[in-house]
PDB file of N, CA and C in Angstrom:
ATOM      1  N   UNK A   1      85.482 127.353  86.296  1.00  0.00           N
ATOM      2  CA  UNK A   1      86.865 127.443  85.880  1.00  0.00           C
ATOM      3  C   UNK A   1      87.234 128.906  85.696  1.00  0.00           C
ATOM      4  N   UNK A   2      88.323 129.345  86.237  1.00  0.00           N
ATOM      5  CA  UNK A   2      88.712 130.745  86.118  1.00  0.00           C
ATOM      6  C   UNK A   2      88.837 131.227  84.674  1.00  0.00           C
ATOM      7  N   UNK A   3      89.300 130.385  83.787  1.00  0.00           N
ATOM      8  CA  UNK A   3      89.488 130.805  82.398  1.00  0.00           C
ATOM      9  C   UNK A   3      88.164 131.137  81.715  1.00  0.00           C
ATOM     10  N   UNK A   4      87.081 130.568  82.206  1.00  0.00           N
ATOM     11  CA  UNK A   4      85.777 130.777  81.575  1.00  0.00           C
ATOM     12  C   UNK A   4      85.060 132.012  82.098  1.00  0.00           C
ATOM     13  N   UNK A   5      85.567 132.646  83.123  1.00  0.00           N
ATOM     14  CA  UNK A   5      84.830 133.730  83.761  1.00  0.00           C
ATOM     15  C   UNK A   5      84.573 134.908  82.811  1.00  0.00           C
ATOM     16  N   UNK A   6      85.463 135.118  81.861  1.00  0.00           N
ATOM     17  CA  UNK A   6      85.305 136.232  80.930  1.00  0.00           C
ATOM     18  C   UNK A   6      84.741 135.792  79.583  1.00  0.00           C
ATOM     19  N   UNK A   7      84.476 134.513  79.429  1.00  0.00           N
ATOM     20  CA  UNK A   7      83.948 134.003  78.158  1.00  0.00           C
ATOM     21  C   UNK A   7      82.463 134.341  78.044  1.00  0.00           C
ATOM     22  N   UNK A   8      82.007 134.601  76.818  1.00  0.00           N
ATOM     23  CA  UNK A   8      80.573 134.835  76.632  1.00  0.00           C
ATOM     24  C   UNK A   8      79.764 133.606  77.080  1.00  0.00           C
ATOM     25  N   UNK A   9      78.642 133.853  77.715  1.00  0.00           N
ATOM     26  CA  UNK A   9      77.788 132.778  78.221  1.00  0.00           C
ATOM     27  C   UNK A   9      77.434 131.782  77.127  1.00  0.00           C
ATOM     28  N   UNK A  10      77.090 132.273  75.962  1.00  0.00           N
ATOM     29  CA  UNK A  10      76.719 131.393  74.857  1.00  0.00           C
ATOM     30  C   UNK A  10      77.874 130.482  74.470  1.00  0.00           C
ATOM     31  N   UNK A  11      79.075 130.985  74.502  1.00  0.00           N
ATOM     32  CA  UNK A  11      80.243 130.168  74.155  1.00  0.00           C
ATOM     33  C   UNK A  11      80.429 129.027  75.145  1.00  0.00           C
ATOM     34  N   UNK A  12      80.240 129.303  76.421  1.00  0.00           N
ATOM     35  CA  UNK A  12      80.371 128.255  77.436  1.00  0.00           C
ATOM     36  C   UNK A  12      79.262 127.220  77.256  1.00  0.00           C
ATOM     37  N   UNK A  13      78.057 127.675  76.939  1.00  0.00           N
ATOM     38  CA  UNK A  13      76.943 126.750  76.704  1.00  0.00           C
ATOM     39  C   UNK A  13      77.219 125.837  75.518  1.00  0.00           C
ATOM     40  N   UNK A  14      77.743 126.387  74.446  1.00  0.00           N
ATOM     41  CA  UNK A  14      78.069 125.589  73.261  1.00  0.00           C
ATOM     42  C   UNK A  14      79.164 124.580  73.593  1.00  0.00           C
ATOM     43  N   UNK A  15      80.159 125.001  74.346  1.00  0.00           N
ATOM     44  CA  UNK A  15      81.229 124.087  74.739  1.00  0.00           C
ATOM     45  C   UNK A  15      80.684 122.958  75.613  1.00  0.00           C
ATOM     46  N   UNK A  16      79.791 123.280  76.535  1.00  0.00           N
ATOM     47  CA  UNK A  16      79.197 122.251  77.401  1.00  0.00           C
ATOM     48  C   UNK A  16      78.409 121.242  76.576  1.00  0.00           C
ATOM     49  N   UNK A  17      77.639 121.715  75.608  1.00  0.00           N
ATOM     50  CA  UNK A  17      76.866 120.810  74.750  1.00  0.00           C
ATOM     51  C   UNK A  17      77.791 119.935  73.910  1.00  0.00           C
ATOM     52  N   UNK A  18      78.847 120.515  73.378  1.00  0.00           N
ATOM     53  CA  UNK A  18      79.807 119.742  72.579  1.00  0.00           C
ATOM     54  C   UNK A  18      80.516 118.705  73.442  1.00  0.00           C
ATOM     55  N   UNK A  19      80.785 119.045  74.689  1.00  0.00           N
ATOM     56  CA  UNK A  19      81.427 118.092  75.600  1.00  0.00           C
ATOM     57  C   UNK A  19      80.537 116.872  75.830  1.00  0.00           C
ATOM     58  N   UNK A  20      79.232 117.098  75.947  1.00  0.00           N
ATOM     59  CA  UNK A  20      78.298 115.975  76.105  1.00  0.00           C
ATOM     60  C   UNK A  20      78.391 115.053  74.901  1.00  0.00           C
ATOM     61  N   UNK A  21      78.299 115.622  73.712  1.00  0.00           N
ATOM     62  CA  UNK A  21      78.353 114.797  72.494  1.00  0.00           C
ATOM     63  C   UNK A  21      79.662 114.033  72.408  1.00  0.00           C
ATOM     64  N   UNK A  22      80.767 114.702  72.686  1.00  0.00           N
ATOM     65  CA  UNK A  22      82.067 114.054  72.589  1.00  0.00           C
ATOM     66  C   UNK A  22      82.191 112.902  73.584  1.00  0.00           C
ATOM     67  N   UNK A  23      81.864 113.158  74.860  1.00  0.00           N
ATOM     68  CA  UNK A  23      82.044 112.113  75.873  1.00  0.00           C
ATOM     69  C   UNK A  23      81.041 110.979  75.730  1.00  0.00           C
ATOM     70  N   UNK A  24      79.833 111.273  75.234  1.00  0.00           N
ATOM     71  CA  UNK A  24      78.889 110.185  74.985  1.00  0.00           C
ATOM     72  C   UNK A  24      79.382 109.296  73.851  1.00  0.00           C
ATOM     73  N   UNK A  25      79.936 109.908  72.819  1.00  0.00           N
ATOM     74  CA  UNK A  25      80.493 109.123  71.711  1.00  0.00           C
ATOM     75  C   UNK A  25      81.660 108.261  72.195  1.00  0.00           C
ATOM     76  N   UNK A  26      82.543 108.832  72.976  1.00  0.00           N
ATOM     77  CA  UNK A  26      83.688 108.076  73.507  1.00  0.00           C
ATOM     78  C   UNK A  26      83.195 106.940  74.400  1.00  0.00           C
ATOM     79  N   UNK A  27      82.247 107.229  75.288  1.00  0.00           N
ATOM     80  CA  UNK A  27      81.735 106.204  76.202  1.00  0.00           C
ATOM     81  C   UNK A  27      81.006 105.097  75.448  1.00  0.00           C
ATOM     82  N   UNK A  28      80.326 105.450  74.366  1.00  0.00           N
ATOM     83  CA  UNK A  28      79.634 104.428  73.572  1.00  0.00           C
ATOM     84  C   UNK A  28      80.618 103.498  72.874  1.00  0.00           C
ATOM     85  N   UNK A  29      81.759 104.024  72.484  1.00  0.00           N
ATOM     86  CA  UNK A  29      82.773 103.196  71.816  1.00  0.00           C
ATOM     87  C   UNK A  29      83.631 102.415  72.796  1.00  0.00           C
ATOM     88  N   UNK A  30      83.872 102.993  73.964  1.00  0.00           N
ATOM     89  CA  UNK A  30      84.764 102.369  74.943  1.00  0.00           C
ATOM     90  C   UNK A  30      84.144 102.521  76.330  1.00  0.00           C
ATOM     91  N   UNK A  31      83.165 101.674  76.603  1.00  0.00           N
ATOM     92  CA  UNK A  31      82.387 101.787  77.831  1.00  0.00           C
ATOM     93  C   UNK A  31      83.146 101.207  79.026  1.00  0.00           C
ATOM     94  N   UNK A  32      83.913 102.071  79.651  1.00  0.00           N
ATOM     95  CA  UNK A  32      84.619 101.723  80.885  1.00  0.00           C
ATOM     96  C   UNK A  32      84.227 102.780  81.924  1.00  0.00           C
ATOM     97  N   UNK A  33      84.419 102.494  83.192  1.00  0.00           N
ATOM     98  CA  UNK A  33      83.932 103.419  84.221  1.00  0.00           C
ATOM     99  C   UNK A  33      84.366 104.880  84.048  1.00  0.00           C
ATOM    100  N   UNK A  34      85.610 105.114  83.673  1.00  0.00           N
ATOM    101  CA  UNK A  34      86.041 106.515  83.622  1.00  0.00           C
ATOM    102  C   UNK A  34      85.428 107.264  82.440  1.00  0.00           C
ATOM    103  N   UNK A  35      85.198 106.582  81.300  1.00  0.00           N
ATOM    104  CA  UNK A  35      84.559 107.276  80.175  1.00  0.00           C
ATOM    105  C   UNK A  35      83.083 107.513  80.470  1.00  0.00           C
ATOM    106  N   UNK A  36      82.444 106.551  81.134  1.00  0.00           N
ATOM    107  CA  UNK A  36      81.049 106.734  81.551  1.00  0.00           C
ATOM    108  C   UNK A  36      80.951 107.886  82.548  1.00  0.00           C
ATOM    109  N   UNK A  37      81.910 107.969  83.445  1.00  0.00           N
ATOM    110  CA  UNK A  37      81.934 109.057  84.421  1.00  0.00           C
ATOM    111  C   UNK A  37      82.100 110.419  83.771  1.00  0.00           C
ATOM    112  N   UNK A  38      82.951 110.488  82.764  1.00  0.00           N
ATOM    113  CA  UNK A  38      83.147 111.755  82.053  1.00  0.00           C
ATOM    114  C   UNK A  38      81.877 112.152  81.301  1.00  0.00           C
ATOM    115  N   UNK A  39      81.219 111.175  80.684  1.00  0.00           N
ATOM    116  CA  UNK A  39      79.966 111.457  79.978  1.00  0.00           C
ATOM    117  C   UNK A  39      78.909 111.958  80.963  1.00  0.00           C
ATOM    118  N   UNK A  40      78.835 111.333  82.116  1.00  0.00           N
ATOM    119  CA  UNK A  40      77.879 111.743  83.149  1.00  0.00           C
ATOM    120  C   UNK A  40      78.190 113.157  83.644  1.00  0.00           C
ATOM    121  N   UNK A  41      79.446 113.444  83.880  1.00  0.00           N
ATOM    122  CA  UNK A  41      79.844 114.781  84.338  1.00  0.00           C
ATOM    123  C   UNK A  41      79.523 115.837  83.285  1.00  0.00           C
ATOM    124  N   UNK A  42      79.757 115.519  82.022  1.00  0.00           N
ATOM    125  CA  UNK A  42      79.453 116.461  80.941  1.00  0.00           C
ATOM    126  C   UNK A  42      77.949 116.719  80.870  1.00  0.00           C
ATOM    127  N   UNK A  43      77.145 115.656  80.995  1.00  0.00           N
ATOM    128  CA  UNK A  43      75.685 115.825  80.992  1.00  0.00           C
ATOM    129  C   UNK A  43      75.238 116.690  82.171  1.00  0.00           C
ATOM    130  N   UNK A  44      75.798 116.432  83.347  1.00  0.00           N
ATOM    131  CA  UNK A  44      75.435 117.218  84.533  1.00  0.00           C
ATOM    132  C   UNK A  44      75.783 118.690  84.357  1.00  0.00           C
ATOM    133  N   UNK A  45      76.960 118.959  83.812  1.00  0.00           N
ATOM    134  CA  UNK A  45      77.377 120.349  83.600  1.00  0.00           C
ATOM    135  C   UNK A  45      76.447 121.029  82.600  1.00  0.00           C
ATOM    136  N   UNK A  46      76.120 120.324  81.519  1.00  0.00           N
ATOM    137  CA  UNK A  46      75.231 120.884  80.505  1.00  0.00           C
ATOM    138  C   UNK A  46      73.854 121.173  81.104  1.00  0.00           C
ATOM    139  N   UNK A  47      73.320 120.246  81.890  1.00  0.00           N
ATOM    140  CA  UNK A  47      72.022 120.463  82.548  1.00  0.00           C
ATOM    141  C   UNK A  47      72.095 121.661  83.491  1.00  0.00           C
ATOM    142  N   UNK A  48      73.196 121.791  84.200  1.00  0.00           N
ATOM    143  CA  UNK A  48      73.393 122.933  85.098  1.00  0.00           C
ATOM    144  C   UNK A  48      73.374 124.240  84.306  1.00  0.00           C
ATOM    145  N   UNK A  49      74.077 124.255  83.182  1.00  0.00           N
ATOM    146  CA  UNK A  49      74.112 125.462  82.343  1.00  0.00           C
ATOM    147  C   UNK A  49      72.712 125.812  81.852  1.00  0.00           C
ATOM    148  N   UNK A  50      71.948 124.802  81.435  1.00  0.00           N
ATOM    149  CA  UNK A  50      70.587 125.047  80.954  1.00  0.00           C
ATOM    150  C   UNK A  50      69.705 125.594  82.077  1.00  0.00           C
ATOM    151  N   UNK A  51      69.813 125.007  83.262  1.00  0.00           N
ATOM    152  CA  UNK A  51      69.015 125.468  84.401  1.00  0.00           C
ATOM    153  C   UNK A  51      69.395 126.892  84.794  1.00  0.00           C
ATOM    154  N   UNK A  52      70.669 127.192  84.756  1.00  0.00           N
ATOM    155  CA  UNK A  52      71.143 128.533  85.081  1.00  0.00           C
ATOM    156  C   UNK A  52      70.577 129.557  84.108  1.00  0.00           C
ATOM    157  N   UNK A  53      70.631 129.238  82.822  1.00  0.00           N
ATOM    158  CA  UNK A  53      70.092 130.164  81.818  1.00  0.00           C
ATOM    159  C   UNK A  53      68.589 130.357  82.014  1.00  0.00           C
ATOM    160  N   UNK A  54      67.875 129.266  82.317  1.00  0.00           N
ATOM    161  CA  UNK A  54      66.429 129.362  82.529  1.00  0.00           C
ATOM    162  C   UNK A  54      66.122 130.206  83.768  1.00  0.00           C
ATOM    163  N   UNK A  55      66.869 130.003  84.831  1.00  0.00           N
ATOM    164  CA  UNK A  55      66.641 130.748  86.072  1.00  0.00           C
ATOM    165  C   UNK A  55      66.928 132.234  85.895  1.00  0.00           C
ATOM    166  N   UNK A  56      67.942 132.526  85.116  1.00  0.00           N
ATOM    167  CA  UNK A  56      68.318 133.926  84.889  1.00  0.00           C
ATOM    168  C   UNK A  56      67.589 134.529  83.704  1.00  0.00           C
ATOM    169  N   UNK A  57      66.844 133.670  82.983  1.00  0.00           N
ATOM    170  CA  UNK A  57      66.098 134.086  81.791  1.00  0.00           C
ATOM    171  C   UNK A  57      67.004 134.779  80.781  1.00  0.00           C
ATOM    172  N   UNK A  58      68.142 134.089  80.479  1.00  0.00           N
ATOM    173  CA  UNK A  58      69.076 134.642  79.495  1.00  0.00           C
ATOM    174  C   UNK A  58      69.213 133.713  78.317  1.00  0.00           C
TER     175      UNK A  58
END
């Protein structure tokens, strides 16, 4: 996302982790395809962020 390009890496990581928690909670309360999809997308993004940090050793 263009808006995130200047954000500190740690801030984006924290936001990604919070997104996972939020969408998993929503999907657990209202398990419909689109909420499950959002939870899955949030998990994928968070995993990507973790892998990126590990690869760059930051």
